[in-house]
Amino acid sequence: MRKNQKGFAGLELIIIVIVVAALALVSYKVYKVHQDRSAKASQSSSSSLTSKTTESSSAAPVNSVPDVTQKSDLDAADKALDQTDNSADANDQAVLSGQENDY
């Protein structure tokens, strides 16, 4: 070897790259296992929660409120609110009136 060697040899750099790649591969596999386990747990808990809610709920099915892009859509939204919200209050009417004023 030379006395005044500066920097790294090519072989040293290749070894470092291989070690870093191996660490990245192992950590990625551990990460994926953790993500899969977490997704499976949340899916099973949400499905059990949904089944418990469905069993204990006696409410009518809820219709989704349509997107409001025109004045005619506001009438549809008003009807949907009337169907799904049994406790309609002045706030609902104020929101719809504000949206009507926008159009």
Foldseek 3Di string as FASTA:
>chain_A
DDPPDDDDDPVVVVVVVVVVVVVVVVVVVVVVVVVVVVVVVVVVVVVVVVVVCVVPDPDDDQDDQDDDDDLVSLVSNVVSCVVHPPDDDVVVVVVSVVVVVVD
